[in-house]
Amino acid sequence: MSMVNRVLHRLPETSDDLLPDMAVWPDNLPEDWYYLTVQEATNTHAYIQKGDLYETWTQRLDDPDWSQYQ
């Protein structure tokens, strides 16, 4: 997840760049080094670019219908 997020320039800089209604995971805690990476990869959202690398989420979006790709 880290490599893909960085290549795509899709990474929140801090927890303040996330949304309060996002999906959360009991084994992904805000103090974990990978927290922002996992949140980025597991929440469908709209965002605005924040500099060259980071982003700020603006809206949570419905998850895609992944079954269409099976």
PDB file of N, CA and C in Angstrom:
ATOM      1  N   MET A   1       0.816  -1.182   0.000  1.00  0.00           N
ATOM      2  CA  MET A   1       0.000   0.000   0.000  1.00  0.00           C
ATOM      3  C   MET A   1       0.862   1.249   0.000  1.00  0.00           C
ATOM      4  N   SER A   2       1.903   1.236   0.783  1.00  0.00           N
ATOM      5  CA  SER A   2       2.769   2.424   0.852  1.00  0.00           C
ATOM      6  C   SER A   2       3.354   2.782  -0.504  1.00  0.00           C
ATOM      7  N   MET A   3       3.864   1.785  -1.199  1.00  0.00           N
ATOM      8  CA  MET A   3       4.491   2.058  -2.499  1.00  0.00           C
ATOM      9  C   MET A   3       3.471   2.586  -3.503  1.00  0.00           C
ATOM     10  N   VAL A   4       2.314   1.954  -3.585  1.00  0.00           N
ATOM     11  CA  VAL A   4       1.292   2.385  -4.541  1.00  0.00           C
ATOM     12  C   VAL A   4       0.810   3.798  -4.208  1.00  0.00           C
ATOM     13  N   ASN A   5       0.527   4.057  -2.936  1.00  0.00           N
ATOM     14  CA  ASN A   5       0.077   5.394  -2.540  1.00  0.00           C
ATOM     15  C   ASN A   5       1.109   6.457  -2.909  1.00  0.00           C
ATOM     16  N   ARG A   6       2.374   6.171  -2.678  1.00  0.00           N
ATOM     17  CA  ARG A   6       3.420   7.153  -2.980  1.00  0.00           C
ATOM     18  C   ARG A   6       3.586   7.366  -4.477  1.00  0.00           C
ATOM     19  N   VAL A   7       3.545   6.295  -5.256  1.00  0.00           N
ATOM     20  CA  VAL A   7       3.671   6.424  -6.708  1.00  0.00           C
ATOM     21  C   VAL A   7       2.524   7.258  -7.266  1.00  0.00           C
ATOM     22  N   LEU A   8       1.324   7.069  -6.733  1.00  0.00           N
ATOM     23  CA  LEU A   8       0.144   7.787  -7.212  1.00  0.00           C
ATOM     24  C   LEU A   8      -0.037   9.145  -6.553  1.00  0.00           C
ATOM     25  N   HIS A   9       0.868   9.506  -5.649  1.00  0.00           N
ATOM     26  CA  HIS A   9       0.762  10.769  -4.898  1.00  0.00           C
ATOM     27  C   HIS A   9      -0.577  10.853  -4.174  1.00  0.00           C
ATOM     28  N   ARG A  10      -0.934   9.756  -3.535  1.00  0.00           N
ATOM     29  CA  ARG A  10      -2.196   9.656  -2.801  1.00  0.00           C
ATOM     30  C   ARG A  10      -1.885   9.333  -1.347  1.00  0.00           C
ATOM     31  N   LEU A  11      -1.699  10.369  -0.549  1.00  0.00           N
ATOM     32  CA  LEU A  11      -1.366  10.151   0.843  1.00  0.00           C
ATOM     33  C   LEU A  11      -1.787  11.347   1.678  1.00  0.00           C
ATOM     34  N   PRO A  12      -2.624  11.120   2.697  1.00  0.00           N
ATOM     35  CA  PRO A  12      -2.913  12.202   3.624  1.00  0.00           C
ATOM     36  C   PRO A  12      -1.642  12.509   4.426  1.00  0.00           C
ATOM     37  N   GLU A  13      -1.439  13.768   4.748  1.00  0.00           N
ATOM     38  CA  GLU A  13      -0.238  14.142   5.499  1.00  0.00           C
ATOM     39  C   GLU A  13      -0.403  13.864   6.987  1.00  0.00           C
ATOM     40  N   THR A  14      -1.605  14.151   7.512  1.00  0.00           N
ATOM     41  CA  THR A  14      -1.904  13.922   8.926  1.00  0.00           C
ATOM     42  C   THR A  14      -3.339  13.414   9.052  1.00  0.00           C
ATOM     43  N   SER A  15      -3.711  13.015  10.246  1.00  0.00           N
ATOM     44  CA  SER A  15      -5.088  12.558  10.496  1.00  0.00           C
ATOM     45  C   SER A  15      -6.104  13.664  10.235  1.00  0.00           C
ATOM     46  N   ASP A  16      -5.690  14.916  10.304  1.00  0.00           N
ATOM     47  CA  ASP A  16      -6.595  16.037  10.020  1.00  0.00           C
ATOM     48  C   ASP A  16      -7.048  16.062   8.564  1.00  0.00           C
ATOM     49  N   ASP A  17      -6.337  15.367   7.679  1.00  0.00           N
ATOM     50  CA  ASP A  17      -6.703  15.317   6.267  1.00  0.00           C
ATOM     51  C   ASP A  17      -7.758  14.262   5.966  1.00  0.00           C
ATOM     52  N   LEU A  18      -8.145  13.474   6.956  1.00  0.00           N
ATOM     53  CA  LEU A  18      -9.137  12.414   6.792  1.00  0.00           C
ATOM     54  C   LEU A  18     -10.532  12.928   7.125  1.00  0.00           C
ATOM     55  N   LEU A  19     -11.532  12.077   6.934  1.00  0.00           N
ATOM     56  CA  LEU A  19     -12.923  12.418   7.253  1.00  0.00           C
ATOM     57  C   LEU A  19     -13.393  11.643   8.476  1.00  0.00           C
ATOM     58  N   PRO A  20     -14.260  12.231   9.283  1.00  0.00           N
ATOM     59  CA  PRO A  20     -14.714  11.539  10.490  1.00  0.00           C
ATOM     60  C   PRO A  20     -15.591  10.317  10.217  1.00  0.00           C
ATOM     61  N   ASP A  21     -16.247  10.240   9.060  1.00  0.00           N
ATOM     62  CA  ASP A  21     -17.156   9.124   8.782  1.00  0.00           C
ATOM     63  C   ASP A  21     -16.489   8.009   7.971  1.00  0.00           C
ATOM     64  N   MET A  22     -15.176   7.968   7.955  1.00  0.00           N
ATOM     65  CA  MET A  22     -14.460   6.944   7.194  1.00  0.00           C
ATOM     66  C   MET A  22     -14.563   5.576   7.861  1.00  0.00           C
ATOM     67  N   ALA A  23     -14.317   4.540   7.071  1.00  0.00           N
ATOM     68  CA  ALA A  23     -14.235   3.190   7.631  1.00  0.00           C
ATOM     69  C   ALA A  23     -12.954   3.104   8.453  1.00  0.00           C
ATOM     70  N   VAL A  24     -13.047   2.464   9.599  1.00  0.00           N
ATOM     71  CA  VAL A  24     -11.877   2.273  10.458  1.00  0.00           C
ATOM     72  C   VAL A  24     -11.720   0.793  10.766  1.00  0.00           C
ATOM     73  N   TRP A  25     -10.526   0.411  11.169  1.00  0.00           N
ATOM     74  CA  TRP A  25     -10.193  -0.985  11.390  1.00  0.00           C
ATOM     75  C   TRP A  25      -9.603  -1.145  12.782  1.00  0.00           C
ATOM     76  N   PRO A  26     -10.049  -2.162  13.543  1.00  0.00           N
ATOM     77  CA  PRO A  26      -9.594  -2.305  14.931  1.00  0.00           C
ATOM     78  C   PRO A  26      -8.092  -2.572  15.056  1.00  0.00           C
ATOM     79  N   ASP A  27      -7.464  -3.080  14.017  1.00  0.00           N
ATOM     80  CA  ASP A  27      -6.026  -3.347  14.081  1.00  0.00           C
ATOM     81  C   ASP A  27      -5.200  -2.269  13.379  1.00  0.00           C
ATOM     82  N   ASN A  28      -5.809  -1.138  13.080  1.00  0.00           N
ATOM     83  CA  ASN A  28      -5.118   0.000  12.467  1.00  0.00           C
ATOM     84  C   ASN A  28      -5.373   1.227  13.342  1.00  0.00           C
ATOM     85  N   LEU A  29      -4.470   1.479  14.253  1.00  0.00           N
ATOM     86  CA  LEU A  29      -4.638   2.543  15.236  1.00  0.00           C
ATOM     87  C   LEU A  29      -3.918   3.816  14.795  1.00  0.00           C
ATOM     88  N   PRO A  30      -4.455   4.982  15.159  1.00  0.00           N
ATOM     89  CA  PRO A  30      -3.844   6.251  14.734  1.00  0.00           C
ATOM     90  C   PRO A  30      -2.362   6.386  15.078  1.00  0.00           C
ATOM     91  N   GLU A  31      -1.902   5.722  16.095  1.00  0.00           N
ATOM     92  CA  GLU A  31      -0.479   5.825  16.455  1.00  0.00           C
ATOM     93  C   GLU A  31       0.410   4.857  15.664  1.00  0.00           C
ATOM     94  N   ASP A  32      -0.178   3.966  14.873  1.00  0.00           N
ATOM     95  CA  ASP A  32       0.599   3.023  14.068  1.00  0.00           C
ATOM     96  C   ASP A  32       1.253   3.743  12.892  1.00  0.00           C
ATOM     97  N   TRP A  33       2.464   3.358  12.541  1.00  0.00           N
ATOM     98  CA  TRP A  33       3.194   4.023  11.448  1.00  0.00           C
ATOM     99  C   TRP A  33       2.462   3.896  10.117  1.00  0.00           C
ATOM    100  N   TYR A  34       1.668   2.846   9.958  1.00  0.00           N
ATOM    101  CA  TYR A  34       0.991   2.570   8.691  1.00  0.00           C
ATOM    102  C   TYR A  34      -0.452   3.079   8.659  1.00  0.00           C
ATOM    103  N   TYR A  35      -0.900   3.743   9.708  1.00  0.00           N
ATOM    104  CA  TYR A  35      -2.304   4.163   9.840  1.00  0.00           C
ATOM    105  C   TYR A  35      -2.801   4.937   8.614  1.00  0.00           C
ATOM    106  N   LEU A  36      -2.130   6.011   8.247  1.00  0.00           N
ATOM    107  CA  LEU A  36      -2.586   6.845   7.133  1.00  0.00           C
ATOM    108  C   LEU A  36      -2.582   6.078   5.813  1.00  0.00           C
ATOM    109  N   THR A  37      -1.600   5.226   5.633  1.00  0.00           N
ATOM    110  CA  THR A  37      -1.501   4.427   4.408  1.00  0.00           C
ATOM    111  C   THR A  37      -2.693   3.486   4.269  1.00  0.00           C
ATOM    112  N   VAL A  38      -3.046   2.808   5.337  1.00  0.00           N
ATOM    113  CA  VAL A  38      -4.170   1.871   5.306  1.00  0.00           C
ATOM    114  C   VAL A  38      -5.487   2.626   5.108  1.00  0.00           C
ATOM    115  N   GLN A  39      -5.653   3.737   5.803  1.00  0.00           N
ATOM    116  CA  GLN A  39      -6.883   4.510   5.643  1.00  0.00           C
ATOM    117  C   GLN A  39      -7.026   4.982   4.196  1.00  0.00           C
ATOM    118  N   GLU A  40      -5.952   5.436   3.599  1.00  0.00           N
ATOM    119  CA  GLU A  40      -5.982   5.884   2.210  1.00  0.00           C
ATOM    120  C   GLU A  40      -6.402   4.752   1.281  1.00  0.00           C
ATOM    121  N   ALA A  41      -5.856   3.586   1.495  1.00  0.00           N
ATOM    122  CA  ALA A  41      -6.091   2.469   0.591  1.00  0.00           C
ATOM    123  C   ALA A  41      -7.448   1.792   0.785  1.00  0.00           C
ATOM    124  N   THR A  42      -8.106   2.023   1.896  1.00  0.00           N
ATOM    125  CA  THR A  42      -9.338   1.277   2.187  1.00  0.00           C
ATOM    126  C   THR A  42     -10.585   2.138   2.288  1.00  0.00           C
ATOM    127  N   ASN A  43     -10.488   3.399   1.937  1.00  0.00           N
ATOM    128  CA  ASN A  43     -11.644   4.291   1.952  1.00  0.00           C
ATOM    129  C   ASN A  43     -11.775   4.977   0.601  1.00  0.00           C
ATOM    130  N   THR A  44     -12.930   4.828  -0.027  1.00  0.00           N
ATOM    131  CA  THR A  44     -13.191   5.496  -1.290  1.00  0.00           C
ATOM    132  C   THR A  44     -13.588   6.932  -0.978  1.00  0.00           C
ATOM    133  N   HIS A  45     -12.881   7.895  -1.597  1.00  0.00           N
ATOM    134  CA  HIS A  45     -13.103   9.287  -1.228  1.00  0.00           C
ATOM    135  C   HIS A  45     -12.708  10.230  -2.350  1.00  0.00           C
ATOM    136  N   ALA A  46     -13.285  11.425  -2.296  1.00  0.00           N
ATOM    137  CA  ALA A  46     -12.839  12.526  -3.147  1.00  0.00           C
ATOM    138  C   ALA A  46     -11.801  13.301  -2.342  1.00  0.00           C
ATOM    139  N   TYR A  47     -10.953  14.028  -3.038  1.00  0.00           N
ATOM    140  CA  TYR A  47      -9.883  14.734  -2.343  1.00  0.00           C
ATOM    141  C   TYR A  47      -9.437  15.949  -3.150  1.00  0.00           C
ATOM    142  N   ILE A  48      -8.706  16.823  -2.492  1.00  0.00           N
ATOM    143  CA  ILE A  48      -7.999  17.891  -3.180  1.00  0.00           C
ATOM    144  C   ILE A  48      -6.520  17.685  -2.921  1.00  0.00           C
ATOM    145  N   GLN A  49      -5.715  17.999  -3.924  1.00  0.00           N
ATOM    146  CA  GLN A  49      -4.272  17.843  -3.795  1.00  0.00           C
ATOM    147  C   GLN A  49      -3.738  18.891  -2.827  1.00  0.00           C
ATOM    148  N   LYS A  50      -2.789  18.476  -2.011  1.00  0.00           N
ATOM    149  CA  LYS A  50      -2.179  19.337  -1.000  1.00  0.00           C
ATOM    150  C   LYS A  50      -0.676  19.292  -1.245  1.00  0.00           C
ATOM    151  N   GLY A  51      -0.184  20.165  -2.069  1.00  0.00           N
ATOM    152  CA  GLY A  51       1.226  20.115  -2.442  1.00  0.00           C
ATOM    153  C   GLY A  51       1.463  19.053  -3.499  1.00  0.00           C
ATOM    154  N   ASP A  52       2.694  18.583  -3.593  1.00  0.00           N
ATOM    155  CA  ASP A  52       3.048  17.610  -4.623  1.00  0.00           C
ATOM    156  C   ASP A  52       2.706  16.172  -4.253  1.00  0.00           C
ATOM    157  N   LEU A  53       2.689  15.861  -2.974  1.00  0.00           N
ATOM    158  CA  LEU A  53       2.534  14.471  -2.555  1.00  0.00           C
ATOM    159  C   LEU A  53       1.243  14.216  -1.787  1.00  0.00           C
ATOM    160  N   TYR A  54       0.818  15.142  -0.976  1.00  0.00           N
ATOM    161  CA  TYR A  54      -0.261  14.884  -0.024  1.00  0.00           C
ATOM    162  C   TYR A  54      -1.622  15.305  -0.549  1.00  0.00           C
ATOM    163  N   GLU A  55      -2.656  14.862   0.165  1.00  0.00           N
ATOM    164  CA  GLU A  55      -4.032  15.199  -0.185  1.00  0.00           C
ATOM    165  C   GLU A  55      -4.866  15.408   1.070  1.00  0.00           C
ATOM    166  N   THR A  56      -5.960  16.114   0.897  1.00  0.00           N
ATOM    167  CA  THR A  56      -6.959  16.303   1.948  1.00  0.00           C
ATOM    168  C   THR A  56      -8.278  15.756   1.428  1.00  0.00           C
ATOM    169  N   TRP A  57      -8.888  14.875   2.198  1.00  0.00           N
ATOM    170  CA  TRP A  57     -10.152  14.285   1.773  1.00  0.00           C
ATOM    171  C   TRP A  57     -11.264  15.322   1.861  1.00  0.00           C
ATOM    172  N   THR A  58     -12.169  15.296   0.880  1.00  0.00           N
ATOM    173  CA  THR A  58     -13.280  16.247   0.865  1.00  0.00           C
ATOM    174  C   THR A  58     -14.642  15.580   1.010  1.00  0.00           C
ATOM    175  N   GLN A  59     -14.736  14.308   0.627  1.00  0.00           N
ATOM    176  CA  GLN A  59     -16.028  13.619   0.672  1.00  0.00           C
ATOM    177  C   GLN A  59     -15.812  12.117   0.612  1.00  0.00           C
ATOM    178  N   ARG A  60     -16.577  11.404   1.409  1.00  0.00           N
ATOM    179  CA  ARG A  60     -16.561   9.946   1.313  1.00  0.00           C
ATOM    180  C   ARG A  60     -17.489   9.527   0.187  1.00  0.00           C
ATOM    181  N   LEU A  61     -17.046   8.582  -0.635  1.00  0.00           N
ATOM    182  CA  LEU A  61     -17.823   8.113  -1.768  1.00  0.00           C
ATOM    183  C   LEU A  61     -18.253   6.670  -1.546  1.00  0.00           C
ATOM    184  N   ASP A  62     -19.294   6.252  -2.268  1.00  0.00           N
ATOM    185  CA  ASP A  62     -19.726   4.858  -2.197  1.00  0.00           C
ATOM    186  C   ASP A  62     -18.631   3.955  -2.746  1.00  0.00           C
ATOM    187  N   ASP A  63     -18.483   2.802  -2.128  1.00  0.00           N
ATOM    188  CA  ASP A  63     -17.505   1.837  -2.615  1.00  0.00           C
ATOM    189  C   ASP A  63     -17.944   1.312  -3.979  1.00  0.00           C
ATOM    190  N   PRO A  64     -17.013   1.079  -4.883  1.00  0.00           N
ATOM    191  CA  PRO A  64     -17.366   0.523  -6.201  1.00  0.00           C
ATOM    192  C   PRO A  64     -17.909  -0.893  -6.067  1.00  0.00           C
ATOM    193  N   ASP A  65     -18.606  -1.339  -7.085  1.00  0.00           N
ATOM    194  CA  ASP A  65     -19.066  -2.725  -7.150  1.00  0.00           C
ATOM    195  C   ASP A  65     -17.926  -3.568  -7.691  1.00  0.00           C
ATOM    196  N   TRP A  66     -17.094  -4.081  -6.792  1.00  0.00           N
ATOM    197  CA  TRP A  66     -15.904  -4.820  -7.190  1.00  0.00           C
ATOM    198  C   TRP A  66     -16.242  -6.149  -7.876  1.00  0.00           C
ATOM    199  N   SER A  67     -17.472  -6.666  -7.693  1.00  0.00           N
ATOM    200  CA  SER A  67     -17.830  -7.949  -8.296  1.00  0.00           C
ATOM    201  C   SER A  67     -17.826  -7.882  -9.826  1.00  0.00           C
ATOM    202  N   GLN A  68     -17.986  -6.709 -10.386  1.00  0.00           N
ATOM    203  CA  GLN A  68     -17.983  -6.586 -11.846  1.00  0.00           C
ATOM    204  C   GLN A  68     -16.615  -6.893 -12.444  1.00  0.00           C
ATOM    205  N   TYR A  69     -15.572  -6.927 -11.623  1.00  0.00           N
ATOM    206  CA  TYR A  69     -14.234  -7.202 -12.119  1.00  0.00           C
ATOM    207  C   TYR A  69     -13.806  -8.642 -11.930  1.00  0.00           C
ATOM    208  N   GLN A  70     -14.698  -9.478 -11.414  1.00  0.00           N
ATOM    209  CA  GLN A  70     -14.362 -10.887 -11.184  1.00  0.00           C
ATOM    210  C   GLN A  70     -14.455 -11.683 -12.448  1.00  0.00           C
TER     211      GLN A  70
END
